[in-house]
Amino acid sequence: MASGPLIGWMIMNEWYLPAFGTLALSGASDWLDGFLARKMGINSVIGSYLDPLADKVLICCVAVAMVEKELLHPGLVGLVVARDFLLVGGAFYKRASSLGWKVPLTQN
């Protein structure tokens, strides 16, 4: 999760090669983490939340930094960021409803 802001900072400072290397290292470590967890049968609740969240933080930080440097179109990044917010919101809603949480719609 920490590599997203770091890579975004590198892009903002036009350190494109180190940003690419750090992005490749982040992707490889994410893959290795998932591979080892599947092979060893390790499954944790917190990991099931943190891994996708870290991916979304990384994508959003890189995309927003690239918009700031005019390397990507803002509309495209807006769609990606909106999609990520909808996915996180949907996952939160699904989890909350499975736990029986209710949203109070009116106050008496």
PDB file of N, CA and C in Angstrom:
ATOM      1  N   MET A   1       0.826  -1.184   0.000  1.00  0.00           N
ATOM      2  CA  MET A   1       0.000   0.000   0.000  1.00  0.00           C
ATOM      3  C   MET A   1       0.876   1.256   0.000  1.00  0.00           C
ATOM      4  N   ALA A   2       2.042   1.158   0.558  1.00  0.00           N
ATOM      5  CA  ALA A   2       2.927   2.320   0.612  1.00  0.00           C
ATOM      6  C   ALA A   2       3.572   2.609  -0.735  1.00  0.00           C
ATOM      7  N   SER A   3       3.636   1.616  -1.619  1.00  0.00           N
ATOM      8  CA  SER A   3       4.301   1.857  -2.901  1.00  0.00           C
ATOM      9  C   SER A   3       3.485   2.768  -3.812  1.00  0.00           C
ATOM     10  N   GLY A   4       2.166   2.817  -3.669  1.00  0.00           N
ATOM     11  CA  GLY A   4       1.339   3.682  -4.507  1.00  0.00           C
ATOM     12  C   GLY A   4       1.709   5.141  -4.391  1.00  0.00           C
ATOM     13  N   PRO A   5       1.670   5.710  -3.178  1.00  0.00           N
ATOM     14  CA  PRO A   5       2.083   7.111  -3.045  1.00  0.00           C
ATOM     15  C   PRO A   5       3.545   7.342  -3.440  1.00  0.00           C
ATOM     16  N   LEU A   6       4.415   6.374  -3.169  1.00  0.00           N
ATOM     17  CA  LEU A   6       5.822   6.517  -3.544  1.00  0.00           C
ATOM     18  C   LEU A   6       5.973   6.582  -5.062  1.00  0.00           C
ATOM     19  N   ILE A   7       5.305   5.694  -5.765  1.00  0.00           N
ATOM     20  CA  ILE A   7       5.391   5.700  -7.226  1.00  0.00           C
ATOM     21  C   ILE A   7       4.759   6.969  -7.785  1.00  0.00           C
ATOM     22  N   GLY A   8       3.639   7.394  -7.206  1.00  0.00           N
ATOM     23  CA  GLY A   8       3.028   8.653  -7.629  1.00  0.00           C
ATOM     24  C   GLY A   8       3.978   9.827  -7.451  1.00  0.00           C
ATOM     25  N   TRP A   9       4.687   9.848  -6.342  1.00  0.00           N
ATOM     26  CA  TRP A   9       5.673  10.911  -6.089  1.00  0.00           C
ATOM     27  C   TRP A   9       6.800  10.853  -7.120  1.00  0.00           C
ATOM     28  N   MET A  10       7.250   9.640  -7.443  1.00  0.00           N
ATOM     29  CA  MET A  10       8.305   9.497  -8.458  1.00  0.00           C
ATOM     30  C   MET A  10       7.842  10.024  -9.814  1.00  0.00           C
ATOM     31  N   ILE A  11       6.609   9.718 -10.174  1.00  0.00           N
ATOM     32  CA  ILE A  11       6.075  10.216 -11.445  1.00  0.00           C
ATOM     33  C   ILE A  11       5.993  11.734 -11.428  1.00  0.00           C
ATOM     34  N   MET A  12       5.546  12.303 -10.327  1.00  0.00           N
ATOM     35  CA  MET A  12       5.436  13.762 -10.223  1.00  0.00           C
ATOM     36  C   MET A  12       6.793  14.445 -10.361  1.00  0.00           C
ATOM     37  N   ASN A  13       7.841  13.756  -9.933  1.00  0.00           N
ATOM     38  CA  ASN A  13       9.198  14.301 -10.032  1.00  0.00           C
ATOM     39  C   ASN A  13       9.921  13.842 -11.295  1.00  0.00           C
ATOM     40  N   GLU A  14       9.165  13.218 -12.212  1.00  0.00           N
ATOM     41  CA  GLU A  14       9.664  12.749 -13.501  1.00  0.00           C
ATOM     42  C   GLU A  14      10.783  11.716 -13.373  1.00  0.00           C
ATOM     43  N   TRP A  15      10.705  10.902 -12.348  1.00  0.00           N
ATOM     44  CA  TRP A  15      11.627   9.773 -12.182  1.00  0.00           C
ATOM     45  C   TRP A  15      10.947   8.544 -12.765  1.00  0.00           C
ATOM     46  N   TYR A  16      10.783   8.517 -14.073  1.00  0.00           N
ATOM     47  CA  TYR A  16       9.975   7.505 -14.716  1.00  0.00           C
ATOM     48  C   TYR A  16      10.582   6.108 -14.657  1.00  0.00           C
ATOM     49  N   LEU A  17      11.875   5.984 -14.848  1.00  0.00           N
ATOM     50  CA  LEU A  17      12.499   4.656 -14.800  1.00  0.00           C
ATOM     51  C   LEU A  17      12.446   4.052 -13.391  1.00  0.00           C
ATOM     52  N   PRO A  18      12.809   4.796 -12.337  1.00  0.00           N
ATOM     53  CA  PRO A  18      12.639   4.224 -10.988  1.00  0.00           C
ATOM     54  C   PRO A  18      11.168   3.933 -10.665  1.00  0.00           C
ATOM     55  N   ALA A  19      10.248   4.774 -11.159  1.00  0.00           N
ATOM     56  CA  ALA A  19       8.821   4.524 -10.924  1.00  0.00           C
ATOM     57  C   ALA A  19       8.401   3.221 -11.602  1.00  0.00           C
ATOM     58  N   PHE A  20       8.874   3.003 -12.816  1.00  0.00           N
ATOM     59  CA  PHE A  20       8.545   1.771 -13.524  1.00  0.00           C
ATOM     60  C   PHE A  20       9.120   0.561 -12.787  1.00  0.00           C
ATOM     61  N   GLY A  21      10.363   0.663 -12.332  1.00  0.00           N
ATOM     62  CA  GLY A  21      10.988  -0.442 -11.597  1.00  0.00           C
ATOM     63  C   GLY A  21      10.248  -0.743 -10.299  1.00  0.00           C
ATOM     64  N   THR A  22       9.859   0.294  -9.588  1.00  0.00           N
ATOM     65  CA  THR A  22       9.122   0.103  -8.343  1.00  0.00           C
ATOM     66  C   THR A  22       7.742  -0.488  -8.613  1.00  0.00           C
ATOM     67  N   LEU A  23       7.115  -0.060  -9.701  1.00  0.00           N
ATOM     68  CA  LEU A  23       5.812  -0.617 -10.083  1.00  0.00           C
ATOM     69  C   LEU A  23       5.942  -2.095 -10.440  1.00  0.00           C
ATOM     70  N   ALA A  24       6.992  -2.446 -11.182  1.00  0.00           N
ATOM     71  CA  ALA A  24       7.220  -3.853 -11.531  1.00  0.00           C
ATOM     72  C   ALA A  24       7.490  -4.683 -10.270  1.00  0.00           C
ATOM     73  N   LEU A  25       8.271  -4.146  -9.351  1.00  0.00           N
ATOM     74  CA  LEU A  25       8.549  -4.839  -8.090  1.00  0.00           C
ATOM     75  C   LEU A  25       7.280  -5.002  -7.262  1.00  0.00           C
ATOM     76  N   SER A  26       6.436  -3.974  -7.235  1.00  0.00           N
ATOM     77  CA  SER A  26       5.167  -4.062  -6.503  1.00  0.00           C
ATOM     78  C   SER A  26       4.263  -5.127  -7.108  1.00  0.00           C
ATOM     79  N   GLY A  27       4.198  -5.172  -8.425  1.00  0.00           N
ATOM     80  CA  GLY A  27       3.384  -6.184  -9.095  1.00  0.00           C
ATOM     81  C   GLY A  27       3.898  -7.590  -8.840  1.00  0.00           C
ATOM     82  N   ALA A  28       5.219  -7.749  -8.895  1.00  0.00           N
ATOM     83  CA  ALA A  28       5.808  -9.063  -8.653  1.00  0.00           C
ATOM     84  C   ALA A  28       5.588  -9.518  -7.213  1.00  0.00           C
ATOM     85  N   SER A  29       5.723  -8.609  -6.254  1.00  0.00           N
ATOM     86  CA  SER A  29       5.514  -8.995  -4.853  1.00  0.00           C
ATOM     87  C   SER A  29       4.045  -9.299  -4.580  1.00  0.00           C
ATOM     88  N   ASP A  30       3.136  -8.592  -5.255  1.00  0.00           N
ATOM     89  CA  ASP A  30       1.703  -8.870  -5.105  1.00  0.00           C
ATOM     90  C   ASP A  30       1.385 -10.260  -5.657  1.00  0.00           C
ATOM     91  N   TRP A  31       1.948 -10.569  -6.808  1.00  0.00           N
ATOM     92  CA  TRP A  31       1.732 -11.892  -7.396  1.00  0.00           C
ATOM     93  C   TRP A  31       2.303 -12.985  -6.492  1.00  0.00           C
ATOM     94  N   LEU A  32       3.534 -12.784  -6.004  1.00  0.00           N
ATOM     95  CA  LEU A  32       4.181 -13.782  -5.148  1.00  0.00           C
ATOM     96  C   LEU A  32       3.392 -13.993  -3.860  1.00  0.00           C
ATOM     97  N   ASP A  33       2.907 -12.928  -3.283  1.00  0.00           N
ATOM     98  CA  ASP A  33       2.100 -13.022  -2.067  1.00  0.00           C
ATOM     99  C   ASP A  33       0.853 -13.878  -2.309  1.00  0.00           C
ATOM    100  N   GLY A  34       0.149 -13.609  -3.393  1.00  0.00           N
ATOM    101  CA  GLY A  34      -1.049 -14.388  -3.716  1.00  0.00           C
ATOM    102  C   GLY A  34      -0.724 -15.838  -4.029  1.00  0.00           C
ATOM    103  N   PHE A  35       0.360 -16.050  -4.763  1.00  0.00           N
ATOM    104  CA  PHE A  35       0.780 -17.405  -5.134  1.00  0.00           C
ATOM    105  C   PHE A  35       1.112 -18.231  -3.893  1.00  0.00           C
ATOM    106  N   LEU A  36       1.899 -17.655  -3.001  1.00  0.00           N
ATOM    107  CA  LEU A  36       2.282 -18.373  -1.781  1.00  0.00           C
ATOM    108  C   LEU A  36       1.078 -18.623  -0.874  1.00  0.00           C
ATOM    109  N   ALA A  37       0.176 -17.664  -0.789  1.00  0.00           N
ATOM    110  CA  ALA A  37      -1.019 -17.846   0.038  1.00  0.00           C
ATOM    111  C   ALA A  37      -1.870 -18.996  -0.491  1.00  0.00           C
ATOM    112  N   ARG A  38      -2.015 -19.083  -1.821  1.00  0.00           N
ATOM    113  CA  ARG A  38      -2.794 -20.185  -2.402  1.00  0.00           C
ATOM    114  C   ARG A  38      -2.091 -21.516  -2.216  1.00  0.00           C
ATOM    115  N   LYS A  39      -0.795 -21.554  -2.457  1.00  0.00           N
ATOM    116  CA  LYS A  39      -0.031 -22.801  -2.334  1.00  0.00           C
ATOM    117  C   LYS A  39      -0.015 -23.331  -0.908  1.00  0.00           C
ATOM    118  N   MET A  40       0.082 -22.410   0.055  1.00  0.00           N
ATOM    119  CA  MET A  40       0.174 -22.817   1.453  1.00  0.00           C
ATOM    120  C   MET A  40      -1.200 -22.897   2.117  1.00  0.00           C
ATOM    121  N   GLY A  41      -2.250 -22.541   1.388  1.00  0.00           N
ATOM    122  CA  GLY A  41      -3.597 -22.604   1.944  1.00  0.00           C
ATOM    123  C   GLY A  41      -3.855 -21.565   3.016  1.00  0.00           C
ATOM    124  N   ILE A  42      -3.163 -20.449   2.925  1.00  0.00           N
ATOM    125  CA  ILE A  42      -3.334 -19.384   3.913  1.00  0.00           C
ATOM    126  C   ILE A  42      -4.411 -18.430   3.412  1.00  0.00           C
ATOM    127  N   ASN A  43      -5.399 -18.201   4.243  1.00  0.00           N
ATOM    128  CA  ASN A  43      -6.495 -17.311   3.884  1.00  0.00           C
ATOM    129  C   ASN A  43      -6.884 -16.527   5.133  1.00  0.00           C
ATOM    130  N   SER A  44      -6.713 -15.214   5.079  1.00  0.00           N
ATOM    131  CA  SER A  44      -7.081 -14.400   6.236  1.00  0.00           C
ATOM    132  C   SER A  44      -8.118 -13.371   5.822  1.00  0.00           C
ATOM    133  N   VAL A  45      -8.962 -13.012   6.745  1.00  0.00           N
ATOM    134  CA  VAL A  45     -10.000 -12.024   6.475  1.00  0.00           C
ATOM    135  C   VAL A  45      -9.364 -10.675   6.183  1.00  0.00           C
ATOM    136  N   ILE A  46      -8.391 -10.289   6.996  1.00  0.00           N
ATOM    137  CA  ILE A  46      -7.767  -8.979   6.792  1.00  0.00           C
ATOM    138  C   ILE A  46      -7.018  -8.926   5.458  1.00  0.00           C
ATOM    139  N   GLY A  47      -6.404 -10.028   5.083  1.00  0.00           N
ATOM    140  CA  GLY A  47      -5.718 -10.083   3.795  1.00  0.00           C
ATOM    141  C   GLY A  47      -6.678  -9.969   2.630  1.00  0.00           C
ATOM    142  N   SER A  48      -7.873 -10.525   2.783  1.00  0.00           N
ATOM    143  CA  SER A  48      -8.870 -10.449   1.711  1.00  0.00           C
ATOM    144  C   SER A  48      -9.372  -9.017   1.515  1.00  0.00           C
ATOM    145  N   TYR A  49      -9.223  -8.167   2.523  1.00  0.00           N
ATOM    146  CA  TYR A  49      -9.585  -6.760   2.387  1.00  0.00           C
ATOM    147  C   TYR A  49      -8.384  -5.910   1.961  1.00  0.00           C
ATOM    148  N   LEU A  50      -7.229  -6.163   2.570  1.00  0.00           N
ATOM    149  CA  LEU A  50      -6.073  -5.305   2.316  1.00  0.00           C
ATOM    150  C   LEU A  50      -5.482  -5.478   0.922  1.00  0.00           C
ATOM    151  N   ASP A  51      -5.477  -6.684   0.388  1.00  0.00           N
ATOM    152  CA  ASP A  51      -4.858  -6.898  -0.924  1.00  0.00           C
ATOM    153  C   ASP A  51      -5.583  -6.124  -2.024  1.00  0.00           C
ATOM    154  N   PRO A  52      -6.910  -6.245  -2.165  1.00  0.00           N
ATOM    155  CA  PRO A  52      -7.578  -5.439  -3.193  1.00  0.00           C
ATOM    156  C   PRO A  52      -7.501  -3.935  -2.915  1.00  0.00           C
ATOM    157  N   LEU A  53      -7.538  -3.552  -1.634  1.00  0.00           N
ATOM    158  CA  LEU A  53      -7.438  -2.136  -1.299  1.00  0.00           C
ATOM    159  C   LEU A  53      -6.069  -1.585  -1.703  1.00  0.00           C
ATOM    160  N   ALA A  54      -5.018  -2.350  -1.457  1.00  0.00           N
ATOM    161  CA  ALA A  54      -3.676  -1.918  -1.846  1.00  0.00           C
ATOM    162  C   ALA A  54      -3.577  -1.772  -3.360  1.00  0.00           C
ATOM    163  N   ASP A  55      -4.192  -2.686  -4.101  1.00  0.00           N
ATOM    164  CA  ASP A  55      -4.189  -2.582  -5.563  1.00  0.00           C
ATOM    165  C   ASP A  55      -4.883  -1.305  -6.018  1.00  0.00           C
ATOM    166  N   LYS A  56      -5.992  -0.971  -5.395  1.00  0.00           N
ATOM    167  CA  LYS A  56      -6.737   0.227  -5.777  1.00  0.00           C
ATOM    168  C   LYS A  56      -5.976   1.503  -5.398  1.00  0.00           C
ATOM    169  N   VAL A  57      -5.321   1.499  -4.258  1.00  0.00           N
ATOM    170  CA  VAL A  57      -4.510   2.650  -3.861  1.00  0.00           C
ATOM    171  C   VAL A  57      -3.377   2.846  -4.867  1.00  0.00           C
ATOM    172  N   LEU A  58      -2.734   1.764  -5.262  1.00  0.00           N
ATOM    173  CA  LEU A  58      -1.633   1.846  -6.222  1.00  0.00           C
ATOM    174  C   LEU A  58      -2.126   2.404  -7.553  1.00  0.00           C
ATOM    175  N   ILE A  59      -3.211   1.848  -8.078  1.00  0.00           N
ATOM    176  CA  ILE A  59      -3.728   2.290  -9.376  1.00  0.00           C
ATOM    177  C   ILE A  59      -4.146   3.758  -9.321  1.00  0.00           C
ATOM    178  N   CYS A  60      -4.843   4.141  -8.268  1.00  0.00           N
ATOM    179  CA  CYS A  60      -5.303   5.523  -8.159  1.00  0.00           C
ATOM    180  C   CYS A  60      -4.145   6.510  -8.032  1.00  0.00           C
ATOM    181  N   CYS A  61      -3.158   6.189  -7.226  1.00  0.00           N
ATOM    182  CA  CYS A  61      -2.009   7.091  -7.060  1.00  0.00           C
ATOM    183  C   CYS A  61      -1.247   7.269  -8.365  1.00  0.00           C
ATOM    184  N   VAL A  62      -1.003   6.177  -9.065  1.00  0.00           N
ATOM    185  CA  VAL A  62      -0.273   6.245 -10.334  1.00  0.00           C
ATOM    186  C   VAL A  62      -1.090   7.012 -11.366  1.00  0.00           C
ATOM    187  N   ALA A  63      -2.382   6.709 -11.458  1.00  0.00           N
ATOM    188  CA  ALA A  63      -3.220   7.358 -12.462  1.00  0.00           C
ATOM    189  C   ALA A  63      -3.349   8.855 -12.211  1.00  0.00           C
ATOM    190  N   VAL A  64      -3.566   9.246 -10.969  1.00  0.00           N
ATOM    191  CA  VAL A  64      -3.711  10.666 -10.655  1.00  0.00           C
ATOM    192  C   VAL A  64      -2.396  11.409 -10.908  1.00  0.00           C
ATOM    193  N   ALA A  65      -1.278  10.807 -10.565  1.00  0.00           N
ATOM    194  CA  ALA A  65       0.017  11.439 -10.844  1.00  0.00           C
ATOM    195  C   ALA A  65       0.232  11.579 -12.346  1.00  0.00           C
ATOM    196  N   MET A  66      -0.196  10.588 -13.121  1.00  0.00           N
ATOM    197  CA  MET A  66      -0.032  10.670 -14.572  1.00  0.00           C
ATOM    198  C   MET A  66      -0.946  11.733 -15.185  1.00  0.00           C
ATOM    199  N   VAL A  67      -2.124  11.956 -14.599  1.00  0.00           N
ATOM    200  CA  VAL A  67      -2.982  13.048 -15.065  1.00  0.00           C
ATOM    201  C   VAL A  67      -2.313  14.385 -14.760  1.00  0.00           C
ATOM    202  N   GLU A  68      -1.759  14.497 -13.569  1.00  0.00           N
ATOM    203  CA  GLU A  68      -1.101  15.745 -13.174  1.00  0.00           C
ATOM    204  C   GLU A  68       0.060  16.094 -14.107  1.00  0.00           C
ATOM    205  N   LYS A  69       0.752  15.081 -14.590  1.00  0.00           N
ATOM    206  CA  LYS A  69       1.872  15.306 -15.516  1.00  0.00           C
ATOM    207  C   LYS A  69       1.416  15.300 -16.983  1.00  0.00           C
ATOM    208  N   GLU A  70       0.094  15.253 -17.194  1.00  0.00           N
ATOM    209  CA  GLU A  70      -0.522  15.262 -18.517  1.00  0.00           C
ATOM    210  C   GLU A  70      -0.078  14.079 -19.377  1.00  0.00           C
ATOM    211  N   LEU A  71       0.057  12.918 -18.726  1.00  0.00           N
ATOM    212  CA  LEU A  71       0.413  11.690 -19.430  1.00  0.00           C
ATOM    213  C   LEU A  71      -0.810  10.833 -19.733  1.00  0.00           C
ATOM    214  N   LEU A  72      -1.906  11.069 -19.014  1.00  0.00           N
ATOM    215  CA  LEU A  72      -3.169  10.369 -19.241  1.00  0.00           C
ATOM    216  C   LEU A  72      -4.295  11.392 -19.291  1.00  0.00           C
ATOM    217  N   HIS A  73      -5.358  11.026 -19.984  1.00  0.00           N
ATOM    218  CA  HIS A  73      -6.528  11.903 -20.090  1.00  0.00           C
ATOM    219  C   HIS A  73      -7.310  11.862 -18.770  1.00  0.00           C
ATOM    220  N   PRO A  74      -7.701  13.021 -18.260  1.00  0.00           N
ATOM    221  CA  PRO A  74      -8.425  13.059 -16.987  1.00  0.00           C
ATOM    222  C   PRO A  74      -9.751  12.285 -17.004  1.00  0.00           C
ATOM    223  N   GLY A  75     -10.440  12.274 -18.139  1.00  0.00           N
ATOM    224  CA  GLY A  75     -11.703  11.540 -18.223  1.00  0.00           C
ATOM    225  C   GLY A  75     -11.505  10.053 -18.024  1.00  0.00           C
ATOM    226  N   LEU A  76     -10.448   9.505 -18.608  1.00  0.00           N
ATOM    227  CA  LEU A  76     -10.146   8.088 -18.453  1.00  0.00           C
ATOM    228  C   LEU A  76      -9.830   7.759 -16.998  1.00  0.00           C
ATOM    229  N   VAL A  77      -9.020   8.569 -16.381  1.00  0.00           N
ATOM    230  CA  VAL A  77      -8.657   8.337 -14.983  1.00  0.00           C
ATOM    231  C   VAL A  77      -9.871   8.526 -14.081  1.00  0.00           C
ATOM    232  N   GLY A  78     -10.719   9.490 -14.417  1.00  0.00           N
ATOM    233  CA  GLY A  78     -11.945   9.670 -13.650  1.00  0.00           C
ATOM    234  C   GLY A  78     -12.813   8.425 -13.673  1.00  0.00           C
ATOM    235  N   LEU A  79     -12.903   7.789 -14.843  1.00  0.00           N
ATOM    236  CA  LEU A  79     -13.665   6.540 -14.942  1.00  0.00           C
ATOM    237  C   LEU A  79     -13.050   5.439 -14.093  1.00  0.00           C
ATOM    238  N   VAL A  80     -11.733   5.326 -14.134  1.00  0.00           N
ATOM    239  CA  VAL A  80     -11.048   4.280 -13.364  1.00  0.00           C
ATOM    240  C   VAL A  80     -11.229   4.510 -11.867  1.00  0.00           C
ATOM    241  N   VAL A  81     -11.046   5.742 -11.424  1.00  0.00           N
ATOM    242  CA  VAL A  81     -11.182   6.060  -9.998  1.00  0.00           C
ATOM    243  C   VAL A  81     -12.638   5.872  -9.548  1.00  0.00           C
ATOM    244  N   ALA A  82     -13.600   6.308 -10.383  1.00  0.00           N
ATOM    245  CA  ALA A  82     -15.013   6.120 -10.040  1.00  0.00           C
ATOM    246  C   ALA A  82     -15.356   4.636  -9.954  1.00  0.00           C
ATOM    247  N   ARG A  83     -14.835   3.850 -10.877  1.00  0.00           N
ATOM    248  CA  ARG A  83     -15.065   2.399 -10.844  1.00  0.00           C
ATOM    249  C   ARG A  83     -14.526   1.800  -9.547  1.00  0.00           C
ATOM    250  N   ASP A  84     -13.332   2.218  -9.152  1.00  0.00           N
ATOM    251  CA  ASP A  84     -12.748   1.693  -7.919  1.00  0.00           C
ATOM    252  C   ASP A  84     -13.579   2.074  -6.700  1.00  0.00           C
ATOM    253  N   PHE A  85     -14.066   3.322  -6.653  1.00  0.00           N
ATOM    254  CA  PHE A  85     -14.917   3.731  -5.530  1.00  0.00           C
ATOM    255  C   PHE A  85     -16.210   2.927  -5.509  1.00  0.00           C
ATOM    256  N   LEU A  86     -16.796   2.695  -6.684  1.00  0.00           N
ATOM    257  CA  LEU A  86     -18.018   1.894  -6.743  1.00  0.00           C
ATOM    258  C   LEU A  86     -17.757   0.455  -6.314  1.00  0.00           C
ATOM    259  N   LEU A  87     -16.631  -0.115  -6.707  1.00  0.00           N
ATOM    260  CA  LEU A  87     -16.298  -1.481  -6.299  1.00  0.00           C
ATOM    261  C   LEU A  87     -16.110  -1.583  -4.787  1.00  0.00           C
ATOM    262  N   VAL A  88     -15.390  -0.632  -4.212  1.00  0.00           N
ATOM    263  CA  VAL A  88     -15.176  -0.643  -2.761  1.00  0.00           C
ATOM    264  C   VAL A  88     -16.502  -0.414  -2.040  1.00  0.00           C
ATOM    265  N   GLY A  89     -17.299   0.537  -2.525  1.00  0.00           N
ATOM    266  CA  GLY A  89     -18.606   0.787  -1.906  1.00  0.00           C
ATOM    267  C   GLY A  89     -19.528  -0.411  -2.012  1.00  0.00           C
ATOM    268  N   GLY A  90     -19.525  -1.071  -3.168  1.00  0.00           N
ATOM    269  CA  GLY A  90     -20.350  -2.259  -3.345  1.00  0.00           C
ATOM    270  C   GLY A  90     -19.915  -3.397  -2.443  1.00  0.00           C
ATOM    271  N   ALA A  91     -18.605  -3.576  -2.317  1.00  0.00           N
ATOM    272  CA  ALA A  91     -18.093  -4.626  -1.433  1.00  0.00           C
ATOM    273  C   ALA A  91     -18.450  -4.324   0.021  1.00  0.00           C
ATOM    274  N   PHE A  92     -18.352  -3.058   0.409  1.00  0.00           N
ATOM    275  CA  PHE A  92     -18.718  -2.671   1.769  1.00  0.00           C
ATOM    276  C   PHE A  92     -20.203  -2.919   2.015  1.00  0.00           C
ATOM    277  N   TYR A  93     -21.041  -2.532   1.045  1.00  0.00           N
ATOM    278  CA  TYR A  93     -22.477  -2.742   1.179  1.00  0.00           C
ATOM    279  C   TYR A  93     -22.806  -4.228   1.272  1.00  0.00           C
ATOM    280  N   LYS A  94     -22.192  -5.027   0.419  1.00  0.00           N
ATOM    281  CA  LYS A  94     -22.444  -6.481   0.422  1.00  0.00           C
ATOM    282  C   LYS A  94     -22.052  -7.081   1.769  1.00  0.00           C
ATOM    283  N   ARG A  95     -20.903  -6.699   2.283  1.00  0.00           N
ATOM    284  CA  ARG A  95     -20.446  -7.220   3.573  1.00  0.00           C
ATOM    285  C   ARG A  95     -21.359  -6.757   4.711  1.00  0.00           C
ATOM    286  N   ALA A  96     -21.724  -5.487   4.684  1.00  0.00           N
ATOM    287  CA  ALA A  96     -22.589  -4.952   5.738  1.00  0.00           C
ATOM    288  C   ALA A  96     -23.950  -5.631   5.709  1.00  0.00           C
ATOM    289  N   SER A  97     -24.498  -5.850   4.527  1.00  0.00           N
ATOM    290  CA  SER A  97     -25.817  -6.495   4.449  1.00  0.00           C
ATOM    291  C   SER A  97     -25.740  -7.955   4.864  1.00  0.00           C
ATOM    292  N   SER A  98     -24.603  -8.613   4.614  1.00  0.00           N
ATOM    293  CA  SER A  98     -24.462 -10.009   5.052  1.00  0.00           C
ATOM    294  C   SER A  98     -24.361 -10.114   6.571  1.00  0.00           C
ATOM    295  N   LEU A  99     -23.934  -9.032   7.217  1.00  0.00           N
ATOM    296  CA  LEU A  99     -23.868  -9.004   8.675  1.00  0.00           C
ATOM    297  C   LEU A  99     -25.172  -8.521   9.291  1.00  0.00           C
ATOM    298  N   GLY A 100     -26.139  -8.160   8.447  1.00  0.00           N
ATOM    299  CA  GLY A 100     -27.431  -7.727   8.951  1.00  0.00           C
ATOM    300  C   GLY A 100     -27.494  -6.274   9.363  1.00  0.00           C
ATOM    301  N   TRP A 101     -26.528  -5.460   8.914  1.00  0.00           N
ATOM    302  CA  TRP A 101     -26.567  -4.049   9.250  1.00  0.00           C
ATOM    303  C   TRP A 101     -27.725  -3.394   8.513  1.00  0.00           C
ATOM    304  N   LYS A 102     -28.384  -2.482   9.172  1.00  0.00           N
ATOM    305  CA  LYS A 102     -29.492  -1.731   8.580  1.00  0.00           C
ATOM    306  C   LYS A 102     -29.139  -0.250   8.549  1.00  0.00           C
ATOM    307  N   VAL A 103     -29.539   0.406   7.476  1.00  0.00           N
ATOM    308  CA  VAL A 103     -29.324   1.846   7.357  1.00  0.00           C
ATOM    309  C   VAL A 103     -30.615   2.541   7.765  1.00  0.00           C
ATOM    310  N   PRO A 104     -30.552   3.376   8.799  1.00  0.00           N
ATOM    311  CA  PRO A 104     -31.786   4.075   9.202  1.00  0.00           C
ATOM    312  C   PRO A 104     -32.136   5.138   8.149  1.00  0.00           C
ATOM    313  N   LEU A 105     -33.295   4.974   7.520  1.00  0.00           N
ATOM    314  CA  LEU A 105     -33.699   5.900   6.476  1.00  0.00           C
ATOM    315  C   LEU A 105     -34.481   7.092   7.013  1.00  0.00           C
ATOM    316  N   THR A 106     -35.152   6.904   8.104  1.00  0.00           N
ATOM    317  CA  THR A 106     -35.912   8.007   8.699  1.00  0.00           C
ATOM    318  C   THR A 106     -35.624   8.084  10.183  1.00  0.00           C
ATOM    319  N   GLN A 107     -35.786   9.260  10.714  1.00  0.00           N
ATOM    320  CA  GLN A 107     -35.631   9.447  12.148  1.00  0.00           C
ATOM    321  C   GLN A 107     -37.006   9.732  12.730  1.00  0.00           C
ATOM    322  N   ASN A 108     -37.351   9.057  13.788  1.00  0.00           N
ATOM    323  CA  ASN A 108     -38.665   9.275  14.441  1.00  0.00           C
ATOM    324  C   ASN A 108     -38.517  10.156  15.631  1.00  0.00           C
TER     325      ASN A 108
END
